[in-house]
Amino acid sequence: MSLNLYELNNMLTEALQVAENLLDHETGEIPESWATFLDDIQMERDAKLLGCAALYKSWTREADAIKSEEEALRDRRKRVEAHAASIKGWMAQNMTAGEKLSDARCVLSWRKSTSTEVYDSALVPAEYTRTEIVVEKKSIGDALKAGAVVPGARLIENQNLQIK
């Protein structure tokens, strides 16, 4: 991991290397022992906090770049899937049901399957349905801010650290 954007104090750079070694690569979490290590670094408190903020910004920018690439790859995957579905549909329209074709590259054949179609969900007995309650937090928040009383809900004021 490199910090191209920000220069860090040598001690914080060492803390970053320790964090990388302690990192749980499945969850991305750093164990509490790293926080203790960070606490033990002998630096002025403000310099340590500002150095950590620079590290935070670097990690969030890297995460944003990865997310952007994921989105681009997802869009590309969807286009390729649409191409594949389109050509499969064309092949299905141009083959007779039950027909079989093959060569060294692939085999085209048909198989029977069944699927369930629900043409009127109001007629389906309750034992075959499930009800999921979805709370509209934004709507509730808007109503509470406007002075409404919503049983089971309240506004909570939070303090959130901002790093710019």
Protein backbone atom coordinates (compact mmCIF):
# COMPACT_ATOMS: atom_id res chain seq x y z
CA MET A 1 0.00 0.00 0.00
CA SER A 2 1.47 3.33 -0.93
CA LEU A 3 0.55 6.81 0.21
CA ASN A 4 1.03 8.80 -2.96
CA LEU A 5 -1.09 11.72 -1.79
CA TYR A 6 0.28 12.38 1.66
CA GLU A 7 3.58 12.25 3.41
CA LEU A 8 3.42 10.73 6.86
CA ASN A 9 5.67 10.88 9.84
CA ASN A 10 8.00 7.84 9.95
CA MET A 11 6.27 6.56 13.07
CA LEU A 12 2.88 6.64 11.39
CA THR A 13 4.35 4.95 8.33
CA GLU A 14 5.60 2.19 10.64
CA ALA A 15 2.12 1.99 12.22
CA LEU A 16 0.67 1.58 8.73
CA GLN A 17 3.05 -1.30 8.02
CA VAL A 18 2.09 -2.93 11.34
CA ALA A 19 -1.60 -2.47 10.44
CA GLU A 20 -1.03 -4.12 7.07
CA ASN A 21 0.53 -7.14 8.82
CA LEU A 22 -2.30 -7.38 11.38
CA LEU A 23 -5.13 -6.79 8.90
CA ASP A 24 -7.83 -9.45 8.66
CA HIS A 25 -7.84 -9.83 4.88
CA GLU A 26 -11.36 -11.29 4.85
CA THR A 27 -13.10 -8.52 6.81
CA GLY A 28 -10.64 -5.65 6.35
CA GLU A 29 -10.65 -5.04 10.10
CA ILE A 30 -7.55 -4.18 12.08
CA PRO A 31 -7.45 -5.74 15.57
CA GLU A 32 -7.62 -3.66 18.74
CA SER A 33 -3.91 -4.31 19.34
CA TRP A 34 -3.17 -1.90 16.46
CA ALA A 35 -5.07 0.89 18.22
CA THR A 36 -2.91 0.21 21.29
CA PHE A 37 0.19 0.35 19.10
CA LEU A 38 -1.03 3.65 17.64
CA ASP A 39 -1.70 5.00 21.13
CA ASP A 40 1.85 4.11 22.16
CA ILE A 41 3.47 6.08 19.32
CA GLN A 42 5.26 9.01 20.91
CA MET A 43 4.04 11.97 18.90
CA GLU A 44 2.21 15.15 19.62
CA ARG A 45 -1.53 14.34 19.76
CA ASP A 46 -2.56 16.82 17.03
CA ALA A 47 0.18 15.63 14.65
CA LYS A 48 -0.85 12.02 15.22
CA LEU A 49 -4.53 12.80 14.59
CA LEU A 50 -3.75 14.80 11.44
CA GLY A 51 -1.46 12.03 10.19
CA CYS A 52 -4.20 9.49 10.80
CA ALA A 53 -6.66 11.77 8.95
CA ALA A 54 -4.30 11.80 5.95
CA LEU A 55 -4.14 7.99 6.14
CA TYR A 56 -7.95 7.87 6.32
CA LYS A 57 -8.26 10.10 3.25
CA SER A 58 -5.79 7.93 1.35
CA TRP A 59 -7.71 4.74 2.18
CA THR A 60 -11.10 6.26 1.33
CA ARG A 61 -9.77 7.54 -2.02
CA GLU A 62 -8.37 4.10 -2.79
CA ALA A 63 -11.73 2.54 -1.85
CA ASP A 64 -13.53 5.06 -4.10
CA ALA A 65 -11.24 4.19 -7.01
CA ILE A 66 -11.90 0.47 -6.48
CA LYS A 67 -15.65 1.11 -6.27
CA SER A 68 -15.54 3.06 -9.52
CA GLU A 69 -13.73 0.20 -11.22
CA GLU A 70 -16.24 -2.30 -9.79
CA GLU A 71 -19.07 -0.23 -11.27
CA ALA A 72 -17.36 -0.10 -14.65
CA LEU A 73 -16.80 -3.87 -14.57
CA ARG A 74 -20.42 -4.47 -13.46
CA ASP A 75 -21.68 -2.35 -16.38
CA ARG A 76 -19.41 -4.21 -18.78
CA ARG A 77 -20.58 -7.59 -17.38
CA LYS A 78 -24.23 -6.57 -17.85
CA ARG A 79 -23.58 -5.59 -21.47
CA VAL A 80 -21.87 -8.91 -22.19
CA GLU A 81 -24.70 -10.80 -20.44
CA ALA A 82 -27.23 -8.89 -22.58
CA HIS A 83 -25.29 -9.81 -25.74
CA ALA A 84 -25.27 -13.47 -24.65
CA ALA A 85 -29.02 -13.44 -23.87
CA SER A 86 -29.76 -11.78 -27.19
CA ILE A 87 -27.87 -14.34 -29.25
CA LYS A 88 -29.33 -17.22 -27.22
CA GLY A 89 -32.81 -15.86 -27.96
CA TRP A 90 -32.00 -15.62 -31.66
CA MET A 91 -30.74 -19.23 -31.66
CA ALA A 92 -33.90 -20.44 -29.85
CA GLN A 93 -36.07 -18.74 -32.48
CA ASN A 94 -34.11 -20.30 -35.30
CA MET A 95 -34.05 -23.90 -34.05
CA THR A 96 -36.88 -26.38 -33.90
CA ALA A 97 -37.80 -27.63 -30.42
CA GLY A 98 -36.12 -30.99 -29.89
CA GLU A 99 -33.50 -30.38 -32.59
CA LYS A 100 -29.86 -31.10 -31.69
CA LEU A 101 -26.74 -29.62 -33.31
CA SER A 102 -23.11 -30.09 -32.38
CA ASP A 103 -19.55 -29.65 -33.49
CA ALA A 104 -16.15 -29.69 -31.75
CA ARG A 105 -16.86 -26.33 -30.07
CA CYS A 106 -20.35 -26.72 -28.65
CA VAL A 107 -23.61 -28.67 -28.46
CA LEU A 108 -27.08 -27.16 -28.94
CA SER A 109 -29.94 -29.18 -27.49
CA TRP A 110 -33.24 -28.74 -25.68
CA ARG A 111 -34.33 -29.92 -22.23
CA LYS A 112 -37.71 -29.83 -20.58
CA SER A 113 -38.24 -27.91 -17.37
CA THR A 114 -41.11 -26.60 -15.29
CA SER A 115 -41.63 -23.22 -13.72
CA THR A 116 -44.36 -21.74 -11.56
CA GLU A 117 -46.38 -18.82 -12.81
CA VAL A 118 -48.42 -16.82 -10.30
CA TYR A 119 -51.07 -15.10 -12.40
CA ASP A 120 -53.01 -13.60 -9.45
CA SER A 121 -51.15 -13.29 -6.14
CA ALA A 122 -54.35 -12.22 -4.33
CA LEU A 123 -55.72 -15.76 -4.80
CA VAL A 124 -52.66 -17.52 -3.37
CA PRO A 125 -53.29 -18.91 0.16
CA ALA A 126 -51.40 -17.21 3.01
CA GLU A 127 -49.34 -20.34 3.72
CA TYR A 128 -47.54 -19.73 0.41
CA THR A 129 -46.78 -16.06 1.00
CA ARG A 130 -44.64 -13.99 3.30
CA THR A 131 -45.06 -10.44 4.43
CA GLU A 132 -42.07 -8.24 4.97
CA ILE A 133 -42.37 -4.99 6.87
CA VAL A 134 -40.16 -2.30 5.41
CA VAL A 135 -39.75 0.83 7.51
CA GLU A 136 -39.41 4.00 5.45
CA LYS A 137 -36.86 5.79 7.65
CA LYS A 138 -36.53 8.79 5.33
CA SER A 139 -40.29 9.40 5.33
CA ILE A 140 -40.46 8.96 9.10
CA GLY A 141 -37.52 11.35 9.55
CA ASP A 142 -39.17 13.95 7.32
CA ALA A 143 -42.42 13.64 9.30
CA LEU A 144 -40.62 13.94 12.65
CA LYS A 145 -38.70 17.00 11.44
CA ALA A 146 -42.03 18.55 10.41
CA GLY A 147 -43.32 18.08 13.97
CA ALA A 148 -45.37 14.89 13.55
CA VAL A 149 -45.45 12.23 16.26
CA VAL A 150 -44.59 8.78 14.91
CA PRO A 151 -45.05 6.00 17.50
CA GLY A 152 -41.93 3.86 17.80
CA ALA A 153 -39.64 6.43 16.20
CA ARG A 154 -37.71 9.50 17.29
CA LEU A 155 -35.01 11.82 15.99
CA ILE A 156 -31.55 11.34 17.49
CA GLU A 157 -28.85 13.99 17.18
CA ASN A 158 -25.40 12.55 16.44
CA GLN A 159 -21.91 13.97 16.28
CA ASN A 160 -20.05 12.59 13.24
CA LEU A 161 -16.36 13.12 12.58
CA GLN A 162 -15.72 14.78 9.22
CA ILE A 163 -12.39 14.46 7.49
CA LYS A 164 -11.73 16.73 4.51
